[in-house]
């Protein structure tokens, strides 16, 4: 027999992790907001900055964009979007 792992709803999370996940879910914008071109542009612009507001290195921006594009491809695979909303943005 193969190893059977518990599903996400069957796992016990440490309280600290559960609290962080609850906060992220509560304070995050809905994924559907990425269907708005103005929001998409703002997201892409934010990739150019570090947390302190200064410009990020070009390779960092490329890595962040690749990560975002791949995450949105996954959202397409899950049926959240019919196509990746940011692939047409430069």
N, C-alpha and C. Protein backbone atom coordinates (compact mmCIF):
# COMPACT_ATOMS: atom_id res chain seq x y z
N UNK A 1 0.83 -1.20 0.00
CA UNK A 1 0.00 0.00 0.00
C UNK A 1 0.87 1.26 0.00
N UNK A 2 0.40 2.30 -0.67
CA UNK A 2 1.12 3.55 -0.72
C UNK A 2 0.88 4.39 0.52
N UNK A 3 1.72 5.35 0.71
CA UNK A 3 1.61 6.26 1.83
C UNK A 3 0.45 7.22 1.58
N UNK A 4 -0.41 7.36 2.56
CA UNK A 4 -1.56 8.26 2.43
C UNK A 4 -1.36 9.45 3.36
N UNK A 5 -1.21 10.62 2.78
CA UNK A 5 -1.01 11.84 3.56
C UNK A 5 -2.36 12.49 3.85
N UNK A 6 -2.49 13.12 5.00
CA UNK A 6 -3.76 13.81 5.31
C UNK A 6 -3.96 15.00 4.40
N UNK A 7 -5.20 15.28 4.05
CA UNK A 7 -5.53 16.44 3.24
C UNK A 7 -5.39 17.71 4.07
N UNK A 8 -5.47 18.88 3.42
CA UNK A 8 -5.28 20.15 4.14
C UNK A 8 -6.25 20.33 5.30
N UNK A 9 -7.48 19.85 5.17
CA UNK A 9 -8.46 20.03 6.24
C UNK A 9 -8.28 19.03 7.37
N UNK A 10 -7.45 18.01 7.15
CA UNK A 10 -7.25 16.97 8.15
C UNK A 10 -5.96 17.16 8.95
N UNK A 11 -5.18 18.17 8.62
CA UNK A 11 -3.91 18.39 9.30
C UNK A 11 -4.11 19.27 10.52
N UNK A 12 -3.32 19.00 11.54
CA UNK A 12 -3.33 19.86 12.72
C UNK A 12 -2.20 20.87 12.58
N UNK A 13 -2.54 22.14 12.65
CA UNK A 13 -1.54 23.20 12.52
C UNK A 13 -1.20 23.76 13.89
N UNK A 14 0.06 24.12 14.10
CA UNK A 14 0.38 24.85 15.33
C UNK A 14 -0.43 26.15 15.37
N UNK A 15 -0.78 26.58 16.54
CA UNK A 15 -1.61 27.77 16.70
C UNK A 15 -1.02 28.98 16.00
N UNK A 16 0.31 29.15 16.09
CA UNK A 16 0.97 30.30 15.47
C UNK A 16 0.78 30.28 13.96
N UNK A 17 0.91 29.11 13.36
CA UNK A 17 0.75 28.98 11.91
C UNK A 17 -0.69 29.24 11.52
N UNK A 18 -1.63 28.69 12.26
CA UNK A 18 -3.06 28.92 11.98
C UNK A 18 -3.39 30.40 12.08
N UNK A 19 -2.83 31.09 13.06
CA UNK A 19 -3.09 32.52 13.22
C UNK A 19 -2.54 33.32 12.04
N UNK A 20 -1.35 32.97 11.59
CA UNK A 20 -0.74 33.67 10.44
C UNK A 20 -1.58 33.43 9.18
N UNK A 21 -1.97 32.18 8.94
CA UNK A 21 -2.78 31.87 7.76
C UNK A 21 -4.12 32.59 7.80
N UNK A 22 -4.72 32.68 8.98
CA UNK A 22 -5.98 33.41 9.12
C UNK A 22 -5.78 34.90 8.81
N UNK A 23 -4.69 35.49 9.33
CA UNK A 23 -4.41 36.90 9.07
C UNK A 23 -4.19 37.14 7.57
N UNK A 24 -3.42 36.27 6.92
CA UNK A 24 -3.15 36.44 5.49
C UNK A 24 -4.45 36.36 4.70
N UNK A 25 -5.30 35.39 5.02
CA UNK A 25 -6.57 35.25 4.31
C UNK A 25 -7.47 36.47 4.52
N UNK A 26 -7.46 37.02 5.73
CA UNK A 26 -8.32 38.15 6.06
C UNK A 26 -7.84 39.46 5.42
N UNK A 27 -6.51 39.63 5.30
CA UNK A 27 -5.98 40.91 4.82
C UNK A 27 -5.61 40.92 3.34
N UNK A 28 -5.71 39.78 2.68
CA UNK A 28 -5.35 39.71 1.26
C UNK A 28 -6.54 40.07 0.38
N UNK A 29 -6.22 40.65 -0.76
CA UNK A 29 -7.27 40.94 -1.75
C UNK A 29 -7.72 39.64 -2.38
N UNK A 30 -8.95 39.60 -2.87
CA UNK A 30 -9.41 38.39 -3.57
C UNK A 30 -8.62 38.17 -4.86
N UNK A 31 -8.38 36.92 -5.19
CA UNK A 31 -7.65 36.58 -6.41
C UNK A 31 -8.33 37.17 -7.64
N UNK A 32 -9.64 37.26 -7.61
CA UNK A 32 -10.39 37.78 -8.76
C UNK A 32 -10.04 39.23 -9.08
N UNK A 33 -9.46 39.97 -8.12
CA UNK A 33 -9.05 41.35 -8.39
C UNK A 33 -8.00 41.43 -9.49
N UNK A 34 -7.27 40.33 -9.72
CA UNK A 34 -6.25 40.34 -10.77
C UNK A 34 -6.85 40.36 -12.17
N UNK A 35 -8.15 40.34 -12.28
CA UNK A 35 -8.80 40.51 -13.57
C UNK A 35 -8.90 41.98 -13.97
N UNK A 36 -8.54 42.89 -13.08
CA UNK A 36 -8.61 44.34 -13.31
C UNK A 36 -7.24 44.82 -13.79
N UNK A 37 -7.18 45.40 -14.97
CA UNK A 37 -5.91 45.83 -15.58
C UNK A 37 -5.15 46.83 -14.71
N UNK A 38 -5.86 47.73 -14.03
CA UNK A 38 -5.19 48.72 -13.18
C UNK A 38 -4.49 48.03 -12.01
N UNK A 39 -5.14 47.05 -11.43
CA UNK A 39 -4.54 46.31 -10.31
C UNK A 39 -3.35 45.49 -10.82
N UNK A 40 -3.51 44.88 -11.99
CA UNK A 40 -2.41 44.11 -12.57
C UNK A 40 -1.18 44.98 -12.76
N UNK A 41 -1.38 46.19 -13.27
CA UNK A 41 -0.27 47.12 -13.46
C UNK A 41 0.40 47.48 -12.14
N UNK A 42 -0.41 47.72 -11.11
CA UNK A 42 0.13 48.06 -9.80
C UNK A 42 0.92 46.89 -9.21
N UNK A 43 0.43 45.68 -9.42
CA UNK A 43 1.15 44.49 -8.95
C UNK A 43 2.49 44.39 -9.65
N UNK A 44 2.49 44.57 -10.97
CA UNK A 44 3.73 44.48 -11.72
C UNK A 44 4.72 45.58 -11.30
N UNK A 45 4.21 46.79 -11.06
CA UNK A 45 5.07 47.88 -10.59
C UNK A 45 5.68 47.55 -9.23
N UNK A 46 4.90 46.91 -8.37
CA UNK A 46 5.40 46.60 -7.02
C UNK A 46 6.54 45.60 -7.05
N UNK A 47 6.64 44.80 -8.10
CA UNK A 47 7.73 43.84 -8.21
C UNK A 47 9.08 44.53 -8.34
N UNK A 48 9.07 45.78 -8.75
CA UNK A 48 10.32 46.52 -8.97
C UNK A 48 10.91 47.10 -7.69
N UNK A 49 10.17 46.96 -6.58
CA UNK A 49 10.62 47.57 -5.33
C UNK A 49 10.96 46.54 -4.27
N UNK A 50 11.91 46.92 -3.42
CA UNK A 50 12.22 46.13 -2.23
C UNK A 50 11.27 46.59 -1.13
N UNK A 51 11.26 45.88 0.00
CA UNK A 51 10.36 46.24 1.09
C UNK A 51 10.61 47.63 1.63
N UNK A 52 11.84 48.13 1.51
CA UNK A 52 12.14 49.47 2.02
C UNK A 52 11.80 50.57 1.01
N UNK A 53 11.24 50.19 -0.16
CA UNK A 53 10.81 51.16 -1.15
C UNK A 53 11.86 51.51 -2.19
N UNK A 54 13.06 51.03 -2.02
CA UNK A 54 14.10 51.30 -3.01
C UNK A 54 13.99 50.31 -4.16
N UNK A 55 14.65 50.62 -5.26
CA UNK A 55 14.57 49.79 -6.46
C UNK A 55 15.26 48.44 -6.24
N UNK A 56 14.61 47.39 -6.73
CA UNK A 56 15.18 46.04 -6.67
C UNK A 56 16.08 45.83 -7.87
N UNK A 57 17.02 44.93 -7.74
CA UNK A 57 17.92 44.59 -8.85
C UNK A 57 17.12 43.93 -9.97
N UNK A 58 17.60 44.08 -11.19
CA UNK A 58 16.90 43.55 -12.36
C UNK A 58 16.65 42.05 -12.24
N UNK A 59 17.63 41.30 -11.77
CA UNK A 59 17.45 39.85 -11.63
C UNK A 59 16.39 39.52 -10.58
N UNK A 60 16.31 40.32 -9.54
CA UNK A 60 15.28 40.13 -8.52
C UNK A 60 13.90 40.35 -9.11
N UNK A 61 13.77 41.39 -9.91
CA UNK A 61 12.48 41.68 -10.56
C UNK A 61 12.10 40.53 -11.49
N UNK A 62 13.05 40.04 -12.27
CA UNK A 62 12.77 38.90 -13.17
C UNK A 62 12.33 37.68 -12.38
N UNK A 63 13.01 37.39 -11.26
CA UNK A 63 12.65 36.23 -10.44
C UNK A 63 11.25 36.39 -9.84
N UNK A 64 10.95 37.58 -9.34
CA UNK A 64 9.62 37.83 -8.76
C UNK A 64 8.53 37.67 -9.83
N UNK A 65 8.79 38.20 -11.03
CA UNK A 65 7.81 38.09 -12.11
C UNK A 65 7.59 36.63 -12.50
N UNK A 66 8.69 35.87 -12.63
CA UNK A 66 8.57 34.44 -12.96
C UNK A 66 7.73 33.71 -11.92
N UNK A 67 7.98 34.01 -10.66
CA UNK A 67 7.24 33.37 -9.57
C UNK A 67 5.75 33.71 -9.65
N UNK A 68 5.45 34.99 -9.87
CA UNK A 68 4.06 35.42 -9.98
C UNK A 68 3.37 34.77 -11.18
N UNK A 69 4.04 34.77 -12.32
CA UNK A 69 3.46 34.17 -13.53
C UNK A 69 3.18 32.68 -13.30
N UNK A 70 4.13 31.98 -12.68
CA UNK A 70 3.93 30.56 -12.41
C UNK A 70 2.79 30.32 -11.43
N UNK A 71 2.67 31.17 -10.41
CA UNK A 71 1.56 31.04 -9.46
C UNK A 71 0.22 31.25 -10.17
N UNK A 72 0.18 32.20 -11.09
CA UNK A 72 -1.07 32.45 -11.82
C UNK A 72 -1.35 31.37 -12.85
N UNK A 73 -0.32 30.74 -13.41
CA UNK A 73 -0.55 29.57 -14.26
C UNK A 73 -1.21 28.46 -13.44
N UNK A 74 -0.76 28.31 -12.21
CA UNK A 74 -1.36 27.32 -11.31
C UNK A 74 -2.82 27.67 -11.03
N UNK A 75 -3.11 28.96 -10.84
CA UNK A 75 -4.49 29.40 -10.63
C UNK A 75 -5.36 29.07 -11.85
N UNK A 76 -4.78 29.19 -13.05
CA UNK A 76 -5.50 28.80 -14.28
C UNK A 76 -5.76 27.30 -14.24
N UNK A 77 -4.75 26.52 -13.87
CA UNK A 77 -4.91 25.06 -13.77
C UNK A 77 -6.02 24.68 -12.81
N UNK A 78 -6.17 25.45 -11.73
CA UNK A 78 -7.21 25.17 -10.73
C UNK A 78 -8.58 25.70 -11.15
N UNK A 79 -8.64 26.41 -12.28
CA UNK A 79 -9.91 26.94 -12.75
C UNK A 79 -10.30 28.29 -12.20
N UNK A 80 -9.35 28.97 -11.53
CA UNK A 80 -9.64 30.31 -10.98
C UNK A 80 -9.72 31.35 -12.09
N UNK A 81 -8.96 31.16 -13.17
CA UNK A 81 -8.97 32.04 -14.35
C UNK A 81 -9.03 31.17 -15.59
N UNK A 82 -9.56 31.73 -16.68
CA UNK A 82 -9.53 31.01 -17.96
C UNK A 82 -8.19 31.19 -18.63
N UNK A 83 -7.51 32.33 -18.35
CA UNK A 83 -6.16 32.57 -18.85
C UNK A 83 -5.41 33.40 -17.81
N UNK A 84 -4.10 33.37 -17.91
CA UNK A 84 -3.27 34.11 -16.96
C UNK A 84 -3.48 35.62 -17.19
N UNK A 85 -3.96 36.35 -16.19
CA UNK A 85 -4.31 37.76 -16.39
C UNK A 85 -3.13 38.70 -16.60
N UNK A 86 -1.91 38.28 -16.29
CA UNK A 86 -0.80 39.22 -16.41
C UNK A 86 0.19 38.89 -17.51
N UNK A 87 -0.03 37.84 -18.28
CA UNK A 87 0.96 37.49 -19.29
C UNK A 87 1.09 38.54 -20.38
N UNK A 88 0.09 39.36 -20.58
CA UNK A 88 0.15 40.39 -21.61
C UNK A 88 0.74 41.70 -21.12
N UNK A 89 1.07 41.80 -19.84
CA UNK A 89 1.60 43.05 -19.29
C UNK A 89 3.11 43.02 -19.35
N UNK A 90 3.69 44.13 -19.80
CA UNK A 90 5.16 44.24 -19.89
C UNK A 90 5.70 44.90 -18.65
